[in-house]
Amino acid sequence: MKNLLLFLGLLLITGSLLAQSILKGTVKDDIKKEAIEYTSIAVYSSLDSSLVGGNISDINGNFSVGDLPEGSFYVKVSFLGYKSELIGGIQLSENEKKDLGVIFLTSDLQSLNSVDVEGQRILTEFRTEKKSFSADNFESAIGGTATDILRNLPGVSMNAEGQLAIRGNVGFMIMINGRPLQGDPAMMLAQLPANAIEKIEWISSPTAQYDSEGKAGIINITTVQGITDGMYLQVNGRYGLPSIQNYDNAQPQKRYGSDFNLNYVKGKWNISLGAGYQRNDQSGRRDGNVITFRGDTSTHFPSNGERSIDEINYSGRFTVGYSPNEKTT
């Protein structure tokens, strides 16, 4: 008996769930007669104006609102730029599928009085991959250096060693007029006057050309035309101590090097000459045991000795650049 009552109860619940009504239709523009997609369809109860269902139209303007109970309803059809359409007096019986047909929406155009539009130069440009700050943003740093400007930019910080960080990210490559700095960035930025800078660009997603050097991005400083003209010479020297463990090598490891970079900039021309030498010896030792077989006789004897590497590198570079205009190099 209990099982029979349970079965009848489930049957009634299932029947009530299946007995749901559906409203469907199509939304179009009243002038162009074209379908309007993503139109909002809201179904309200006529008794208390409560929302009982809703949906949006598809790419062909068709819509369907299901799971509606039996009763009296009104439908509101709305879309941005059009006047909302109210359709009332909709009666739905149990498990009824009613088609409202084509619903035309009228464009909601309004005539406005004359409008005065004033233009203003954008001082800061933001894009997904680049942020650009023009010279007008640097007034607070006039009389200072490029370091002072970078410190005043939003999200930029610099520690005592001159390492730049933007929103906590480090590893930026510094470029001046699209060319990477060859020397110490902190020293070079401290020597560049603030009033010689035209704009600063922060490129957060550099191309593959610079990806390995500027893993966190690139800061490109564009100077006033002709401000960087002149000749620059940079010389670097390096010296390293021998290895702590020398493996009883005959000679200590030699570790030293130097390089120079000579750069001449004049107008549209940029000529650069550089060379470098580096020696970085690696110490080592071979320890082993050699076994030889001859017939039934085997001979064992140790094999050890120095196994070091003299690593010497030479490098040279000569470049000539010509920029006929701002967009061509």
Protein backbone atom coordinates (compact mmCIF):
# COMPACT_ATOMS: atom_id res chain seq x y z
CA MET A 1 0.00 0.00 0.00
CA LYS A 2 2.82 2.40 0.90
CA ASN A 3 4.61 1.61 -2.34
CA LEU A 4 1.43 2.33 -4.29
CA LEU A 5 0.98 5.72 -2.61
CA LEU A 6 4.64 6.57 -3.24
CA PHE A 7 4.25 5.63 -6.89
CA LEU A 8 1.13 7.77 -7.26
CA GLY A 9 2.87 10.72 -5.58
CA LEU A 10 5.87 10.48 -7.92
CA LEU A 11 3.52 10.23 -10.86
CA LEU A 12 1.71 13.41 -9.83
CA ILE A 13 4.99 15.30 -9.31
CA THR A 14 6.36 14.11 -12.64
CA GLY A 15 3.12 15.09 -14.36
CA SER A 16 3.25 18.57 -12.85
CA LEU A 17 6.85 19.02 -13.96
CA LEU A 18 6.06 17.92 -17.47
CA ALA A 19 3.00 20.11 -17.62
CA GLN A 20 4.97 23.30 -18.21
CA SER A 21 4.01 25.90 -20.83
CA ILE A 22 6.31 27.54 -23.37
CA LEU A 23 6.28 30.99 -25.00
CA LYS A 24 8.21 31.57 -28.20
CA GLY A 25 8.56 34.21 -30.90
CA THR A 26 10.89 36.28 -33.06
CA VAL A 27 12.22 39.83 -32.58
CA LYS A 28 12.95 42.06 -35.58
CA ASP A 29 13.64 45.70 -36.42
CA ASP A 30 10.46 47.41 -37.58
CA ILE A 31 12.21 49.27 -40.42
CA LYS A 32 14.98 47.00 -41.65
CA LYS A 33 12.99 43.86 -40.89
CA GLU A 34 16.23 42.30 -39.68
CA ALA A 35 16.49 39.96 -36.71
CA ILE A 36 17.74 41.47 -33.44
CA GLU A 37 19.91 39.10 -31.42
CA TYR A 38 20.51 39.23 -27.66
CA THR A 39 17.13 40.90 -27.06
CA SER A 40 15.95 40.59 -23.46
CA ILE A 41 12.67 38.69 -23.03
CA ALA A 42 11.03 38.89 -19.58
CA VAL A 43 7.76 37.17 -18.63
CA TYR A 44 5.76 38.63 -15.68
CA SER A 45 2.69 37.39 -13.85
CA SER A 46 -0.40 39.57 -14.46
CA LEU A 47 -1.52 39.07 -10.84
CA ASP A 48 1.46 40.53 -8.93
CA SER A 49 3.93 41.59 -11.71
CA SER A 50 6.49 39.07 -10.42
CA LEU A 51 9.10 37.76 -12.84
CA VAL A 52 8.38 34.12 -13.69
CA GLY A 53 10.79 33.51 -16.57
CA GLY A 54 13.07 35.03 -19.19
CA ASN A 55 15.59 34.48 -21.96
CA ILE A 56 17.41 36.27 -24.80
CA SER A 57 16.99 35.97 -28.54
CA ASP A 58 19.47 34.06 -30.67
CA ILE A 59 21.33 35.20 -33.80
CA ASN A 60 18.12 34.80 -35.85
CA GLY A 61 16.04 36.79 -33.36
CA ASN A 62 14.20 33.69 -32.13
CA PHE A 63 13.50 33.15 -28.44
CA SER A 64 11.83 30.55 -26.26
CA VAL A 65 10.84 30.83 -22.59
CA GLY A 66 9.91 27.52 -21.00
CA ASP A 67 8.97 26.12 -17.60
CA LEU A 68 6.02 28.52 -17.30
CA PRO A 69 3.07 27.62 -15.10
CA GLU A 70 -0.57 27.92 -16.06
CA GLY A 71 -2.00 31.44 -15.75
CA SER A 72 -2.14 34.99 -17.09
CA PHE A 73 1.06 36.84 -18.09
CA TYR A 74 2.53 39.81 -19.92
CA VAL A 75 5.88 39.96 -21.78
CA LYS A 76 8.40 42.80 -21.92
CA VAL A 77 10.80 42.82 -24.91
CA SER A 78 13.71 45.28 -24.64
CA PHE A 79 17.04 45.99 -26.28
CA LEU A 80 19.50 48.90 -26.08
CA GLY A 81 18.65 51.59 -28.62
CA TYR A 82 15.04 50.43 -29.07
CA LYS A 83 11.77 51.22 -27.34
CA SER A 84 10.61 48.42 -25.05
CA GLU A 85 7.56 46.48 -26.23
CA LEU A 86 4.91 45.23 -23.78
CA ILE A 87 2.63 42.34 -24.80
CA GLY A 88 -0.20 41.72 -22.35
CA GLY A 89 -3.24 39.48 -22.00
CA ILE A 90 -1.34 36.24 -22.54
CA GLN A 91 -3.25 33.24 -21.21
CA LEU A 92 -1.45 29.93 -20.87
CA SER A 93 -3.15 26.67 -20.11
CA GLU A 94 -1.46 23.56 -18.84
CA ASN A 95 1.35 22.29 -21.10
CA GLU A 96 0.56 24.85 -23.81
CA LYS A 97 3.08 26.05 -26.41
CA LYS A 98 2.14 29.53 -27.60
CA ASP A 99 3.84 31.38 -30.45
CA LEU A 100 3.77 35.19 -30.15
CA GLY A 101 4.85 35.52 -33.78
CA VAL A 102 7.10 38.36 -34.92
CA ILE A 103 7.61 41.22 -32.46
CA PHE A 104 8.85 44.43 -34.08
CA LEU A 105 10.92 46.91 -32.04
CA THR A 106 11.03 50.61 -32.91
CA SER A 107 14.34 52.46 -32.81
CA ASP A 108 14.53 54.87 -29.88
CA LEU A 109 16.09 57.89 -31.62
CA GLN A 110 16.02 61.29 -29.97
CA SER A 111 16.86 64.67 -31.43
CA LEU A 112 19.40 66.60 -29.39
CA ASN A 113 20.30 70.25 -29.37
CA SER A 114 23.73 71.32 -30.62
CA VAL A 115 26.57 69.89 -28.61
CA ASP A 116 29.96 71.58 -28.19
CA VAL A 117 32.85 69.11 -28.17
CA GLU A 118 36.17 70.28 -26.79
CA GLY A 119 39.30 68.29 -27.55
CA GLN A 120 42.17 67.84 -25.15
CA ARG A 121 45.51 66.23 -25.80
CA ILE A 122 45.88 62.86 -24.13
CA LEU A 123 48.97 63.01 -21.94
CA THR A 124 49.04 59.34 -21.08
CA GLU A 125 48.27 56.49 -23.45
CA PHE A 126 47.30 53.07 -22.10
CA ARG A 127 47.11 49.90 -24.13
CA THR A 128 47.07 46.24 -23.19
CA GLU A 129 50.74 45.80 -24.06
CA LYS A 130 52.08 49.39 -23.78
CA LYS A 131 51.76 52.47 -21.60
CA SER A 132 53.12 55.78 -22.83
CA PHE A 133 53.80 58.92 -20.77
CA SER A 134 54.40 62.19 -22.63
CA ALA A 135 56.71 65.03 -21.57
CA ASP A 136 53.79 66.97 -20.08
CA ASN A 137 53.69 64.40 -17.27
CA PHE A 138 57.27 65.23 -16.23
CA GLU A 139 56.82 68.81 -14.99
CA SER A 140 57.46 67.77 -11.39
CA ALA A 141 60.86 66.36 -12.37
CA ILE A 142 62.12 69.36 -14.39
CA GLY A 143 65.69 70.09 -13.39
CA GLY A 144 66.28 66.47 -12.41
CA THR A 145 67.34 63.39 -14.35
CA ALA A 146 65.69 60.44 -16.05
CA THR A 147 65.94 58.59 -12.73
CA ASP A 148 63.72 61.21 -11.06
CA ILE A 149 61.12 60.84 -13.82
CA LEU A 150 60.96 57.06 -13.56
CA ARG A 151 60.54 57.25 -9.79
CA ASN A 152 57.51 59.53 -10.22
CA LEU A 153 55.70 57.30 -12.72
CA PRO A 154 52.74 55.32 -11.32
CA GLY A 155 53.64 51.80 -10.24
CA VAL A 156 57.40 52.32 -10.76
CA SER A 157 59.91 51.93 -7.94
CA MET A 158 63.69 51.94 -7.81
CA ASN A 159 65.92 50.57 -5.06
CA ALA A 160 69.23 51.96 -3.83
CA GLU A 161 71.14 49.95 -6.45
CA GLY A 162 69.16 51.51 -9.30
CA GLN A 163 67.14 48.37 -10.10
CA LEU A 164 63.77 49.21 -11.62
CA ALA A 165 60.59 47.45 -10.63
CA ILE A 166 57.10 48.02 -12.05
CA ARG A 167 54.35 46.65 -9.84
CA GLY A 168 56.91 44.36 -8.25
CA ASN A 169 58.28 42.96 -11.53
CA VAL A 170 62.02 43.31 -12.14
CA GLY A 171 64.24 42.46 -15.11
CA PHE A 172 63.37 45.36 -17.38
CA MET A 173 65.55 46.29 -20.32
CA ILE A 174 66.21 50.04 -20.68
CA MET A 175 66.28 51.48 -24.19
CA ILE A 176 66.93 55.02 -25.39
CA ASN A 177 65.35 55.91 -28.73
CA GLY A 178 64.73 52.22 -29.40
CA ARG A 179 68.32 51.14 -28.74
CA PRO A 180 69.30 49.03 -25.69
CA LEU A 181 71.67 50.63 -23.17
CA GLN A 182 75.09 49.01 -23.31
CA GLY A 183 76.31 50.21 -19.91
CA ASP A 184 75.03 50.43 -16.38
CA PRO A 185 71.36 51.59 -16.64
CA ALA A 186 71.44 53.39 -13.27
CA MET A 187 74.51 55.41 -14.25
CA MET A 188 73.21 56.25 -17.73
CA LEU A 189 69.77 57.34 -16.45
CA ALA A 190 71.38 59.53 -13.79
CA GLN A 191 73.28 61.39 -16.53
CA LEU A 192 70.29 62.00 -18.81
CA PRO A 193 68.55 65.36 -18.06
CA ALA A 194 64.81 65.25 -17.51
CA ASN A 195 64.16 68.15 -19.90
CA ALA A 196 65.81 66.13 -22.69
CA ILE A 197 63.09 63.46 -22.55
CA GLU A 198 60.09 63.61 -24.88
CA LYS A 199 58.21 60.52 -23.69
CA ILE A 200 58.64 57.21 -21.86
CA GLU A 201 57.05 53.95 -22.98
CA TRP A 202 56.61 50.86 -20.85
CA ILE A 203 56.17 47.77 -23.06
CA SER A 204 54.92 44.90 -20.91
CA SER A 205 54.80 42.33 -23.74
CA PRO A 206 57.96 42.73 -25.84
CA THR A 207 58.41 40.92 -29.12
CA ALA A 208 60.57 37.81 -29.44
CA GLN A 209 63.48 40.05 -30.48
CA TYR A 210 63.85 41.32 -26.90
CA ASP A 211 62.13 38.57 -24.92
CA SER A 212 65.30 37.01 -23.49
CA GLU A 213 66.78 40.33 -22.39
CA GLY A 214 63.65 42.07 -21.11
CA LYS A 215 61.75 39.22 -19.49
CA ALA A 216 59.61 41.62 -17.46
CA GLY A 217 59.25 44.19 -20.23
CA ILE A 218 60.99 47.13 -21.87
CA ILE A 219 61.23 50.78 -20.85
CA ASN A 220 61.93 52.89 -23.93
CA ILE A 221 62.94 56.51 -23.38
CA THR A 222 62.48 58.83 -26.36
CA THR A 223 64.62 61.96 -26.20
CA VAL A 224 64.18 65.32 -27.88
CA GLN A 225 65.52 65.23 -31.43
CA GLY A 226 69.27 65.83 -31.47
CA ILE A 227 69.71 65.77 -27.70
CA THR A 228 71.75 62.55 -27.82
CA ASP A 229 74.06 63.68 -30.62
CA GLY A 230 77.73 63.26 -29.85
CA MET A 231 80.40 60.67 -29.21
CA TYR A 232 80.38 58.25 -26.30
CA LEU A 233 83.06 55.87 -25.10
CA GLN A 234 82.50 53.14 -22.54
CA VAL A 235 85.20 50.80 -21.23
CA ASN A 236 84.59 47.87 -18.87
CA GLY A 237 87.05 45.60 -17.08
CA ARG A 238 86.57 42.31 -15.25
CA TYR A 239 88.78 40.23 -13.00
CA GLY A 240 88.06 36.94 -11.24
CA LEU A 241 89.95 35.02 -8.58
CA PRO A 242 91.17 31.46 -9.26
CA SER A 243 89.06 28.51 -8.18
CA ILE A 244 89.10 27.65 -4.48
CA GLN A 245 89.91 24.04 -5.36
CA ASN A 246 92.84 23.98 -7.81
CA TYR A 247 93.15 20.17 -8.08
CA ASP A 248 96.96 20.46 -7.92
CA ASN A 249 97.00 22.04 -11.39
CA ALA A 250 100.32 23.18 -12.77
CA GLN A 251 99.10 26.78 -13.20
CA PRO A 252 96.36 28.81 -11.50
CA GLN A 253 93.27 29.63 -13.52
CA LYS A 254 93.28 32.96 -15.35
CA ARG A 255 90.05 34.90 -15.22
CA TYR A 256 89.93 38.43 -16.58
CA GLY A 257 88.59 40.41 -19.47
CA SER A 258 87.70 43.82 -20.84
CA ASP A 259 85.56 45.42 -23.52
CA PHE A 260 84.84 48.83 -24.96
CA ASN A 261 82.03 50.45 -26.91
CA LEU A 262 82.47 53.59 -29.01
CA ASN A 263 79.27 55.21 -30.23
CA TYR A 264 78.81 58.25 -32.47
CA VAL A 265 75.36 59.77 -33.01
CA LYS A 266 74.70 62.67 -35.34
CA GLY A 267 71.28 63.49 -36.71
CA LYS A 268 70.01 60.49 -38.63
CA TRP A 269 73.27 58.53 -38.30
CA ASN A 270 74.27 56.15 -35.52
CA ILE A 271 77.67 54.45 -35.76
CA SER A 272 78.92 52.02 -33.14
CA LEU A 273 82.19 50.10 -32.73
CA GLY A 274 82.90 47.61 -29.96
CA ALA A 275 85.25 44.78 -29.07
CA GLY A 276 85.84 42.50 -26.12
CA TYR A 277 88.25 39.91 -24.72
CA GLN A 278 87.57 37.43 -21.94
CA ARG A 279 89.52 34.55 -20.40
CA ASN A 280 87.75 32.24 -18.00
CA ASP A 281 89.79 29.08 -17.38
CA GLN A 282 88.16 26.02 -15.83
CA SER A 283 90.16 23.81 -13.50
CA GLY A 284 89.77 20.05 -13.24
CA ARG A 285 91.45 16.72 -12.64
CA ARG A 286 91.08 13.21 -14.02
CA ASP A 287 91.09 10.21 -11.68
CA GLY A 288 90.59 6.68 -12.98
CA ASN A 289 91.88 3.13 -13.29
CA VAL A 290 93.07 1.50 -16.52
CA ILE A 291 92.72 -2.29 -16.95
CA THR A 292 94.36 -4.11 -19.86
CA PHE A 293 93.86 -7.74 -20.80
CA ARG A 294 96.37 -9.90 -22.68
CA GLY A 295 95.42 -13.52 -22.85
CA ASP A 296 94.77 -14.69 -19.32
CA THR A 297 96.74 -11.81 -17.86
CA SER A 298 95.17 -8.51 -16.71
CA THR A 299 97.11 -5.41 -15.76
CA HIS A 300 95.78 -2.69 -13.47
CA PHE A 301 97.32 0.75 -13.08
CA PRO A 302 95.96 4.15 -11.98
CA SER A 303 95.35 6.98 -14.45
CA ASN A 304 95.13 10.47 -13.10
CA GLY A 305 96.26 13.94 -14.01
CA GLU A 306 95.23 17.48 -14.81
CA ARG A 307 92.15 18.05 -16.90
CA SER A 308 91.73 21.80 -17.22
CA ILE A 309 90.28 23.98 -19.94
CA ASP A 310 91.68 27.30 -21.12
CA GLU A 311 88.63 29.24 -22.25
CA ILE A 312 89.43 32.36 -24.31
CA ASN A 313 86.78 34.44 -26.08
CA TYR A 314 87.15 37.31 -28.53
CA SER A 315 84.25 39.42 -29.79
CA GLY A 316 83.82 42.39 -32.07
CA ARG A 317 80.96 44.49 -33.34
CA PHE A 318 80.56 47.27 -35.87
CA THR A 319 77.16 48.74 -36.71
CA VAL A 320 75.91 51.59 -38.85
CA GLY A 321 72.35 52.83 -38.45
CA TYR A 322 70.47 55.36 -40.54
CA SER A 323 66.98 56.70 -39.75
CA PRO A 324 65.55 58.72 -42.68
CA ASN A 325 62.36 59.41 -40.68
CA GLU A 326 60.63 58.54 -37.41
CA LYS A 327 59.06 55.37 -38.79
CA THR A 328 62.02 53.98 -40.72
CA THR A 329 65.42 52.82 -39.50
